Amino acid sequence: MTPSESFNICQLSVEDIALMEELLAVFGEAFDEVDTYSSSRPSDTYLKRLLNSDYFIAIAALKDGTVVGGLTAYELQKFEQERSEIYIYDLAVAAAHRREGIATALIQELKKIAVARGAYVIFVQADIGDDPAIELYTKLGVREDVLHFDIAIDDNSDRHNQKI
């Protein structure tokens, strides 16, 4: 069995709350942020509303019915033209299943969804030092070096109020 035949890719729907919960666990482990992805999990109602929305996309890679990877993305409606772009928010594959083509297959599925929605581009950011992600995205797209800024929405955020 070739790697691409050993897993299935599917877009999650409102019926797939259990798979979305598994995907959150995969993200937590892969990003070494288990607390972020598990301590205050959204309710089923919230997840159903998100999965049923026209702006959120969740895609999972399954092996034997178990989530081993996935991505989440947002469709952003543009204002300067009647078009949209897709932003990959999270993409991860469980450590035991990396280098099997799963991440590439997830992005290929997202490309199909983007075409069906009439989007004109998919974009993603990668952290400096995340060489596997940078290698993957370089293989699939054109690199743009940009700066990213987090802007605090309250004055009580220590992380965002540090003097530089």
N, C-alpha and C. Protein backbone atom coordinates (compact mmCIF):
# COMPACT_ATOMS: atom_id res chain seq x y z
N MET A 1 0.84 -1.17 0.00
CA MET A 1 0.00 0.00 0.00
C MET A 1 0.89 1.24 0.00
N THR A 2 0.68 2.15 -0.92
CA THR A 2 1.46 3.38 -0.96
C THR A 2 0.97 4.31 0.15
N PRO A 3 1.83 5.27 0.55
CA PRO A 3 1.41 6.16 1.64
C PRO A 3 0.08 6.85 1.37
N SER A 4 -0.17 7.29 0.15
CA SER A 4 -1.41 8.01 -0.12
C SER A 4 -2.63 7.10 -0.05
N GLU A 5 -2.41 5.79 -0.16
CA GLU A 5 -3.53 4.85 -0.05
C GLU A 5 -3.77 4.43 1.40
N SER A 6 -2.87 4.79 2.31
CA SER A 6 -2.99 4.32 3.69
C SER A 6 -3.78 5.28 4.58
N PHE A 7 -4.24 6.39 4.01
CA PHE A 7 -5.04 7.33 4.79
C PHE A 7 -6.13 7.92 3.90
N ASN A 8 -7.16 8.43 4.55
CA ASN A 8 -8.25 9.10 3.85
C ASN A 8 -8.28 10.57 4.28
N ILE A 9 -8.63 11.43 3.35
CA ILE A 9 -8.76 12.85 3.63
C ILE A 9 -10.25 13.21 3.52
N CYS A 10 -10.77 13.93 4.52
CA CYS A 10 -12.17 14.33 4.45
C CYS A 10 -12.37 15.70 5.08
N GLN A 11 -13.27 16.47 4.48
CA GLN A 11 -13.65 17.74 5.06
C GLN A 11 -14.67 17.46 6.16
N LEU A 12 -14.44 18.04 7.31
CA LEU A 12 -15.34 17.81 8.44
C LEU A 12 -16.60 18.64 8.29
N SER A 13 -17.70 18.05 8.72
CA SER A 13 -19.00 18.73 8.67
C SER A 13 -19.56 18.80 10.08
N VAL A 14 -20.72 19.36 10.19
CA VAL A 14 -21.40 19.52 11.48
C VAL A 14 -21.63 18.17 12.16
N GLU A 15 -21.61 17.09 11.38
CA GLU A 15 -21.82 15.74 11.92
C GLU A 15 -20.54 15.16 12.53
N ASP A 16 -19.41 15.85 12.39
CA ASP A 16 -18.11 15.28 12.74
C ASP A 16 -17.48 15.87 14.00
N ILE A 17 -18.27 16.11 15.02
CA ILE A 17 -17.77 16.71 16.25
C ILE A 17 -16.68 15.83 16.88
N ALA A 18 -16.88 14.54 16.91
CA ALA A 18 -15.89 13.64 17.52
C ALA A 18 -14.55 13.73 16.77
N LEU A 19 -14.61 13.81 15.44
CA LEU A 19 -13.37 13.94 14.67
C LEU A 19 -12.71 15.30 14.92
N MET A 20 -13.51 16.34 15.08
CA MET A 20 -12.96 17.66 15.38
C MET A 20 -12.26 17.64 16.73
N GLU A 21 -12.84 16.95 17.69
CA GLU A 21 -12.21 16.80 19.01
C GLU A 21 -10.87 16.07 18.88
N GLU A 22 -10.82 15.03 18.06
CA GLU A 22 -9.56 14.32 17.82
C GLU A 22 -8.54 15.24 17.15
N LEU A 23 -9.02 16.05 16.22
CA LEU A 23 -8.12 16.97 15.52
C LEU A 23 -7.51 17.98 16.50
N LEU A 24 -8.31 18.48 17.43
CA LEU A 24 -7.77 19.38 18.45
C LEU A 24 -6.66 18.71 19.25
N ALA A 25 -6.84 17.44 19.57
CA ALA A 25 -5.81 16.70 20.30
C ALA A 25 -4.53 16.55 19.47
N VAL A 26 -4.68 16.26 18.18
CA VAL A 26 -3.51 16.15 17.30
C VAL A 26 -2.77 17.48 17.25
N PHE A 27 -3.49 18.59 17.10
CA PHE A 27 -2.85 19.91 17.08
C PHE A 27 -2.09 20.16 18.38
N GLY A 28 -2.73 19.89 19.51
CA GLY A 28 -2.09 20.11 20.80
C GLY A 28 -0.78 19.37 20.95
N GLU A 29 -0.78 18.10 20.57
CA GLU A 29 0.44 17.29 20.67
C GLU A 29 1.49 17.75 19.67
N ALA A 30 1.08 17.98 18.43
CA ALA A 30 2.03 18.34 17.38
C ALA A 30 2.70 19.69 17.65
N PHE A 31 1.95 20.63 18.20
CA PHE A 31 2.49 21.97 18.46
C PHE A 31 3.08 22.09 19.87
N ASP A 32 3.04 20.99 20.63
CA ASP A 32 3.49 21.00 22.02
C ASP A 32 2.74 22.08 22.81
N GLU A 33 1.43 22.15 22.56
CA GLU A 33 0.55 23.11 23.23
C GLU A 33 -0.74 22.40 23.66
N VAL A 34 -0.57 21.29 24.35
CA VAL A 34 -1.71 20.48 24.75
C VAL A 34 -2.70 21.30 25.56
N ASP A 35 -2.21 22.13 26.46
CA ASP A 35 -3.10 22.93 27.30
C ASP A 35 -3.94 23.90 26.46
N THR A 36 -3.31 24.52 25.48
CA THR A 36 -4.03 25.47 24.61
C THR A 36 -5.18 24.79 23.89
N TYR A 37 -4.96 23.57 23.43
CA TYR A 37 -5.95 22.87 22.62
C TYR A 37 -6.87 21.96 23.42
N SER A 38 -6.68 21.87 24.75
CA SER A 38 -7.54 20.96 25.50
C SER A 38 -8.12 21.54 26.78
N SER A 39 -7.54 22.58 27.35
CA SER A 39 -7.99 23.04 28.67
C SER A 39 -9.35 23.74 28.64
N SER A 40 -9.67 24.41 27.55
CA SER A 40 -10.96 25.12 27.45
C SER A 40 -11.63 24.80 26.13
N ARG A 41 -11.82 23.52 25.90
CA ARG A 41 -12.41 23.09 24.62
C ARG A 41 -13.76 23.74 24.39
N PRO A 42 -14.01 24.11 23.14
CA PRO A 42 -15.33 24.66 22.81
C PRO A 42 -16.42 23.61 23.01
N SER A 43 -17.62 24.09 23.28
CA SER A 43 -18.77 23.19 23.43
C SER A 43 -19.12 22.58 22.07
N ASP A 44 -19.89 21.52 22.10
CA ASP A 44 -20.38 20.91 20.85
C ASP A 44 -21.19 21.91 20.05
N THR A 45 -21.98 22.72 20.73
CA THR A 45 -22.79 23.74 20.04
C THR A 45 -21.90 24.71 19.29
N TYR A 46 -20.85 25.16 19.94
CA TYR A 46 -19.92 26.09 19.30
C TYR A 46 -19.25 25.44 18.09
N LEU A 47 -18.76 24.20 18.27
CA LEU A 47 -18.08 23.50 17.16
C LEU A 47 -19.05 23.25 16.00
N LYS A 48 -20.28 22.90 16.31
CA LYS A 48 -21.27 22.69 15.25
C LYS A 48 -21.51 23.98 14.46
N ARG A 49 -21.63 25.09 15.19
CA ARG A 49 -21.84 26.38 14.53
C ARG A 49 -20.64 26.73 13.64
N LEU A 50 -19.45 26.49 14.14
CA LEU A 50 -18.23 26.76 13.38
C LEU A 50 -18.14 25.87 12.13
N LEU A 51 -18.36 24.58 12.32
CA LEU A 51 -18.29 23.64 11.19
C LEU A 51 -19.40 23.88 10.17
N ASN A 52 -20.49 24.47 10.60
CA ASN A 52 -21.61 24.75 9.70
C ASN A 52 -21.49 26.12 9.03
N SER A 53 -20.50 26.91 9.43
CA SER A 53 -20.35 28.26 8.88
C SER A 53 -19.81 28.20 7.46
N ASP A 54 -19.92 29.32 6.75
CA ASP A 54 -19.40 29.37 5.39
C ASP A 54 -17.98 29.94 5.34
N TYR A 55 -17.37 30.21 6.48
CA TYR A 55 -16.03 30.79 6.50
C TYR A 55 -14.96 29.88 7.10
N PHE A 56 -15.35 28.81 7.78
CA PHE A 56 -14.40 27.91 8.44
C PHE A 56 -14.31 26.60 7.69
N ILE A 57 -13.09 26.09 7.56
CA ILE A 57 -12.85 24.82 6.87
C ILE A 57 -11.99 23.95 7.79
N ALA A 58 -12.41 22.72 8.00
CA ALA A 58 -11.61 21.75 8.76
C ALA A 58 -11.49 20.49 7.91
N ILE A 59 -10.27 20.02 7.74
CA ILE A 59 -10.01 18.83 6.94
C ILE A 59 -9.17 17.89 7.80
N ALA A 60 -9.53 16.62 7.81
CA ALA A 60 -8.81 15.64 8.62
C ALA A 60 -8.24 14.53 7.75
N ALA A 61 -7.12 14.01 8.20
CA ALA A 61 -6.53 12.81 7.61
C ALA A 61 -6.80 11.66 8.58
N LEU A 62 -7.38 10.59 8.08
CA LEU A 62 -7.77 9.46 8.92
C LEU A 62 -7.04 8.20 8.51
N LYS A 63 -6.59 7.47 9.50
CA LYS A 63 -6.06 6.12 9.30
C LYS A 63 -6.87 5.21 10.20
N ASP A 64 -7.50 4.24 9.59
CA ASP A 64 -8.35 3.30 10.34
C ASP A 64 -9.35 4.03 11.23
N GLY A 65 -9.90 5.13 10.71
CA GLY A 65 -10.93 5.87 11.42
C GLY A 65 -10.41 6.82 12.49
N THR A 66 -9.10 6.90 12.67
CA THR A 66 -8.51 7.77 13.69
C THR A 66 -7.84 8.96 13.02
N VAL A 67 -8.03 10.15 13.57
CA VAL A 67 -7.41 11.36 13.02
C VAL A 67 -5.91 11.32 13.30
N VAL A 68 -5.12 11.43 12.23
CA VAL A 68 -3.66 11.45 12.36
C VAL A 68 -3.08 12.78 11.86
N GLY A 69 -3.93 13.65 11.36
CA GLY A 69 -3.48 14.95 10.89
C GLY A 69 -4.67 15.75 10.44
N GLY A 70 -4.41 17.02 10.20
CA GLY A 70 -5.49 17.85 9.70
C GLY A 70 -5.08 19.29 9.54
N LEU A 71 -6.02 20.04 9.00
CA LEU A 71 -5.80 21.47 8.88
C LEU A 71 -7.10 22.19 9.11
N THR A 72 -6.96 23.42 9.58
CA THR A 72 -8.10 24.33 9.67
C THR A 72 -7.75 25.57 8.88
N ALA A 73 -8.76 26.16 8.28
CA ALA A 73 -8.55 27.33 7.45
C ALA A 73 -9.77 28.23 7.52
N TYR A 74 -9.56 29.46 7.14
CA TYR A 74 -10.64 30.45 7.10
C TYR A 74 -10.72 31.06 5.72
N GLU A 75 -11.94 31.19 5.22
CA GLU A 75 -12.14 31.90 3.96
C GLU A 75 -12.39 33.36 4.28
N LEU A 76 -11.58 34.22 3.69
CA LEU A 76 -11.69 35.66 3.92
C LEU A 76 -12.26 36.32 2.68
N GLN A 77 -13.42 36.92 2.83
CA GLN A 77 -14.04 37.63 1.72
C GLN A 77 -13.30 38.95 1.53
N LYS A 78 -12.91 39.24 0.31
CA LYS A 78 -12.17 40.47 0.02
C LYS A 78 -13.15 41.61 -0.28
N PHE A 79 -12.67 42.82 -0.16
CA PHE A 79 -13.53 43.97 -0.42
C PHE A 79 -13.16 44.69 -1.72
N GLU A 80 -11.92 44.55 -2.16
CA GLU A 80 -11.48 45.29 -3.35
C GLU A 80 -11.95 44.64 -4.64
N GLN A 81 -12.27 43.36 -4.57
CA GLN A 81 -12.82 42.64 -5.71
C GLN A 81 -13.75 41.56 -5.15
N GLU A 82 -14.63 41.05 -5.99
CA GLU A 82 -15.52 39.96 -5.56
C GLU A 82 -14.77 38.65 -5.65
N ARG A 83 -14.02 38.38 -4.61
CA ARG A 83 -13.23 37.17 -4.54
C ARG A 83 -12.87 36.91 -3.08
N SER A 84 -12.30 35.78 -2.83
CA SER A 84 -11.88 35.45 -1.47
C SER A 84 -10.51 34.80 -1.51
N GLU A 85 -9.92 34.71 -0.33
CA GLU A 85 -8.67 33.99 -0.18
C GLU A 85 -8.81 33.08 1.03
N ILE A 86 -8.03 32.03 1.04
CA ILE A 86 -8.10 31.05 2.11
C ILE A 86 -6.82 31.14 2.93
N TYR A 87 -6.99 31.25 4.24
CA TYR A 87 -5.85 31.31 5.16
C TYR A 87 -5.77 30.01 5.95
N ILE A 88 -4.67 29.28 5.79
CA ILE A 88 -4.46 28.08 6.60
C ILE A 88 -4.04 28.53 7.99
N TYR A 89 -4.88 28.23 8.96
CA TYR A 89 -4.62 28.65 10.33
C TYR A 89 -3.75 27.63 11.07
N ASP A 90 -4.11 26.37 11.01
CA ASP A 90 -3.33 25.29 11.63
C ASP A 90 -3.23 24.13 10.67
N LEU A 91 -2.05 23.51 10.65
CA LEU A 91 -1.84 22.29 9.88
C LEU A 91 -0.85 21.45 10.67
N ALA A 92 -1.20 20.22 10.94
CA ALA A 92 -0.31 19.34 11.70
C ALA A 92 -0.58 17.89 11.36
N VAL A 93 0.47 17.10 11.51
CA VAL A 93 0.38 15.65 11.35
C VAL A 93 1.03 15.04 12.60
N ALA A 94 0.39 14.03 13.17
CA ALA A 94 0.94 13.35 14.34
C ALA A 94 2.35 12.85 14.03
N ALA A 95 3.23 12.94 15.00
CA ALA A 95 4.65 12.61 14.79
C ALA A 95 4.85 11.24 14.16
N ALA A 96 4.09 10.26 14.57
CA ALA A 96 4.26 8.89 14.07
C ALA A 96 3.84 8.74 12.60
N HIS A 97 3.20 9.77 12.03
CA HIS A 97 2.67 9.65 10.67
C HIS A 97 3.24 10.71 9.71
N ARG A 98 4.32 11.33 10.11
CA ARG A 98 4.93 12.35 9.25
C ARG A 98 5.74 11.69 8.14
N ARG A 99 5.99 12.46 7.09
CA ARG A 99 6.77 12.02 5.92
C ARG A 99 6.03 10.94 5.12
N GLU A 100 4.69 10.97 5.19
CA GLU A 100 3.87 10.02 4.44
C GLU A 100 3.03 10.73 3.37
N GLY A 101 3.23 12.02 3.20
CA GLY A 101 2.46 12.77 2.22
C GLY A 101 1.14 13.29 2.73
N ILE A 102 0.89 13.19 4.02
CA ILE A 102 -0.39 13.59 4.58
C ILE A 102 -0.57 15.11 4.50
N ALA A 103 0.43 15.88 4.89
CA ALA A 103 0.29 17.34 4.86
C ALA A 103 0.05 17.83 3.44
N THR A 104 0.78 17.28 2.49
CA THR A 104 0.58 17.66 1.09
C THR A 104 -0.83 17.29 0.63
N ALA A 105 -1.31 16.12 1.01
CA ALA A 105 -2.66 15.69 0.63
C ALA A 105 -3.72 16.61 1.25
N LEU A 106 -3.49 17.06 2.47
CA LEU A 106 -4.43 17.99 3.12
C LEU A 106 -4.50 19.30 2.33
N ILE A 107 -3.35 19.81 1.93
CA ILE A 107 -3.33 21.06 1.16
C ILE A 107 -3.95 20.85 -0.22
N GLN A 108 -3.73 19.71 -0.83
CA GLN A 108 -4.34 19.43 -2.14
C GLN A 108 -5.87 19.41 -2.01
N GLU A 109 -6.37 18.85 -0.92
CA GLU A 109 -7.83 18.86 -0.70
C GLU A 109 -8.33 20.28 -0.49
N LEU A 110 -7.57 21.08 0.25
CA LEU A 110 -7.96 22.47 0.46
C LEU A 110 -7.97 23.23 -0.87
N LYS A 111 -7.05 22.92 -1.75
CA LYS A 111 -7.04 23.57 -3.07
C LYS A 111 -8.34 23.27 -3.82
N LYS A 112 -8.83 22.04 -3.74
CA LYS A 112 -10.10 21.70 -4.39
C LYS A 112 -11.25 22.50 -3.80
N ILE A 113 -11.26 22.62 -2.48
CA ILE A 113 -12.31 23.39 -1.81
C ILE A 113 -12.21 24.86 -2.21
N ALA A 114 -10.99 25.37 -2.28
CA ALA A 114 -10.79 26.77 -2.66
C ALA A 114 -11.30 27.04 -4.07
N VAL A 115 -11.04 26.13 -4.99
CA VAL A 115 -11.53 26.29 -6.36
C VAL A 115 -13.07 26.28 -6.35
N ALA A 116 -13.66 25.35 -5.63
CA ALA A 116 -15.12 25.27 -5.57
C ALA A 116 -15.74 26.54 -4.99
N ARG A 117 -15.03 27.20 -4.08
CA ARG A 117 -15.53 28.42 -3.46
C ARG A 117 -15.17 29.68 -4.25
N GLY A 118 -14.39 29.52 -5.29
CA GLY A 118 -14.00 30.67 -6.10
C GLY A 118 -12.89 31.51 -5.49
N ALA A 119 -12.13 30.94 -4.58
CA ALA A 119 -11.00 31.67 -3.98
C ALA A 119 -9.89 31.81 -5.02
N TYR A 120 -9.09 32.85 -4.85
CA TYR A 120 -8.02 33.06 -5.82
C TYR A 120 -6.64 32.68 -5.29
N VAL A 121 -6.50 32.48 -3.98
CA VAL A 121 -5.21 32.11 -3.41
C VAL A 121 -5.42 31.46 -2.05
N ILE A 122 -4.46 30.64 -1.67
CA ILE A 122 -4.37 30.09 -0.31
C ILE A 122 -3.07 30.65 0.26
N PHE A 123 -3.12 31.12 1.50
CA PHE A 123 -1.87 31.56 2.11
C PHE A 123 -1.73 30.99 3.51
N VAL A 124 -0.47 30.93 3.96
CA VAL A 124 -0.13 30.34 5.24
C VAL A 124 1.13 31.03 5.75
N GLN A 125 1.30 31.05 7.05
CA GLN A 125 2.54 31.56 7.59
C GLN A 125 3.27 30.42 8.29
N ALA A 126 4.58 30.53 8.35
CA ALA A 126 5.41 29.54 9.04
C ALA A 126 6.37 30.28 9.95
N ASP A 127 6.62 29.71 11.09
CA ASP A 127 7.55 30.33 12.03
C ASP A 127 8.99 30.09 11.60
N ILE A 128 9.83 31.10 11.78
CA ILE A 128 11.25 30.94 11.52
C ILE A 128 11.76 29.81 12.40
N GLY A 129 12.50 28.90 11.82
CA GLY A 129 13.01 27.75 12.55
C GLY A 129 12.16 26.50 12.39
N ASP A 130 10.95 26.63 11.87
CA ASP A 130 10.10 25.47 11.61
C ASP A 130 10.43 24.96 10.22
N ASP A 131 11.60 24.36 10.10
CA ASP A 131 12.13 23.96 8.79
C ASP A 131 11.24 22.99 8.03
N PRO A 132 10.64 21.99 8.68
CA PRO A 132 9.75 21.10 7.92
C PRO A 132 8.58 21.84 7.28
N ALA A 133 7.97 22.76 8.02
CA ALA A 133 6.85 23.53 7.46
C ALA A 133 7.33 24.41 6.32
N ILE A 134 8.46 25.08 6.51
CA ILE A 134 9.00 25.95 5.47
C ILE A 134 9.32 25.16 4.22
N GLU A 135 9.88 23.98 4.39
CA GLU A 135 10.18 23.11 3.24
C GLU A 135 8.91 22.71 2.50
N LEU A 136 7.88 22.32 3.24
CA LEU A 136 6.61 21.92 2.63
C LEU A 136 6.00 23.08 1.85
N TYR A 137 5.89 24.24 2.49
CA TYR A 137 5.24 25.37 1.84
C TYR A 137 6.06 25.90 0.66
N THR A 138 7.37 25.80 0.74
CA THR A 138 8.22 26.22 -0.39
C THR A 138 7.99 25.31 -1.58
N LYS A 139 7.77 24.03 -1.31
CA LYS A 139 7.51 23.06 -2.38
C LYS A 139 6.18 23.37 -3.09
N LEU A 140 5.23 23.91 -2.34
CA LEU A 140 3.89 24.10 -2.87
C LEU A 140 3.55 25.52 -3.30
N GLY A 141 4.34 26.48 -2.88
CA GLY A 141 3.97 27.87 -3.17
C GLY A 141 5.17 28.79 -3.27
N VAL A 142 4.87 30.06 -3.37
CA VAL A 142 5.88 31.10 -3.49
C VAL A 142 6.07 31.75 -2.12
N ARG A 143 7.31 31.85 -1.70
CA ARG A 143 7.61 32.42 -0.39
C ARG A 143 7.59 33.95 -0.45
N GLU A 144 6.97 34.53 0.58
CA GLU A 144 6.99 35.98 0.77
C GLU A 144 7.47 36.22 2.20
N ASP A 145 8.48 37.02 2.37
CA ASP A 145 8.95 37.35 3.70
C ASP A 145 8.18 38.57 4.20
N VAL A 146 7.43 38.37 5.27
CA VAL A 146 6.61 39.43 5.84
C VAL A 146 6.81 39.46 7.35
N LEU A 147 6.33 40.49 7.97
CA LEU A 147 6.35 40.58 9.43
C LEU A 147 4.94 40.33 9.94
N HIS A 148 4.85 39.73 11.09
CA HIS A 148 3.57 39.42 11.73
C HIS A 148 3.54 40.17 13.06
N PHE A 149 2.44 40.82 13.35
CA PHE A 149 2.30 41.55 14.60
C PHE A 149 1.04 41.10 15.32
N ASP A 150 1.14 40.86 16.61
CA ASP A 150 -0.02 40.60 17.46
C ASP A 150 -0.35 41.91 18.16
N ILE A 151 -1.55 42.37 18.02
CA ILE A 151 -1.98 43.62 18.64
C ILE A 151 -2.97 43.28 19.75
N ALA A 152 -2.60 43.62 20.97
CA ALA A 152 -3.44 43.30 22.13
C ALA A 152 -4.76 44.07 22.03
N ILE A 153 -5.82 43.46 22.51
CA ILE A 153 -7.13 44.13 22.51
C ILE A 153 -7.49 44.66 23.88
N ASP A 154 -6.61 44.44 24.86
CA ASP A 154 -6.81 45.02 26.18
C ASP A 154 -5.46 45.46 26.73
N ASP A 155 -5.49 46.28 27.75
CA ASP A 155 -4.25 46.80 28.33
C ASP A 155 -3.66 45.87 29.38
N ASN A 156 -4.31 44.74 29.64
CA ASN A 156 -3.85 43.83 30.68
C ASN A 156 -3.00 42.69 30.16
N SER A 157 -2.69 42.70 28.91
CA SER A 157 -1.94 41.61 28.31
C SER A 157 -0.44 41.86 28.45
N ASP A 158 0.21 41.14 29.36
CA ASP A 158 1.65 41.31 29.58
C ASP A 158 2.45 40.99 28.34
N ARG A 159 2.06 39.97 27.61
CA ARG A 159 2.81 39.55 26.42
C ARG A 159 2.90 40.68 25.41
N HIS A 160 1.82 41.41 25.25
CA HIS A 160 1.75 42.43 24.20
C HIS A 160 2.19 43.82 24.66
N ASN A 161 2.43 44.00 25.96
CA ASN A 161 2.78 45.33 26.45
C ASN A 161 4.26 45.44 26.82
N GLN A 162 5.06 44.48 26.44
CA GLN A 162 6.48 44.56 26.73
C GLN A 162 7.12 45.64 25.87
N LYS A 163 7.96 46.43 26.49
CA LYS A 163 8.68 47.48 25.76
C LYS A 163 9.78 46.82 24.95
N ILE A 164 9.89 47.28 23.71
CA ILE A 164 10.92 46.73 22.81
C ILE A 164 12.04 47.72 22.73
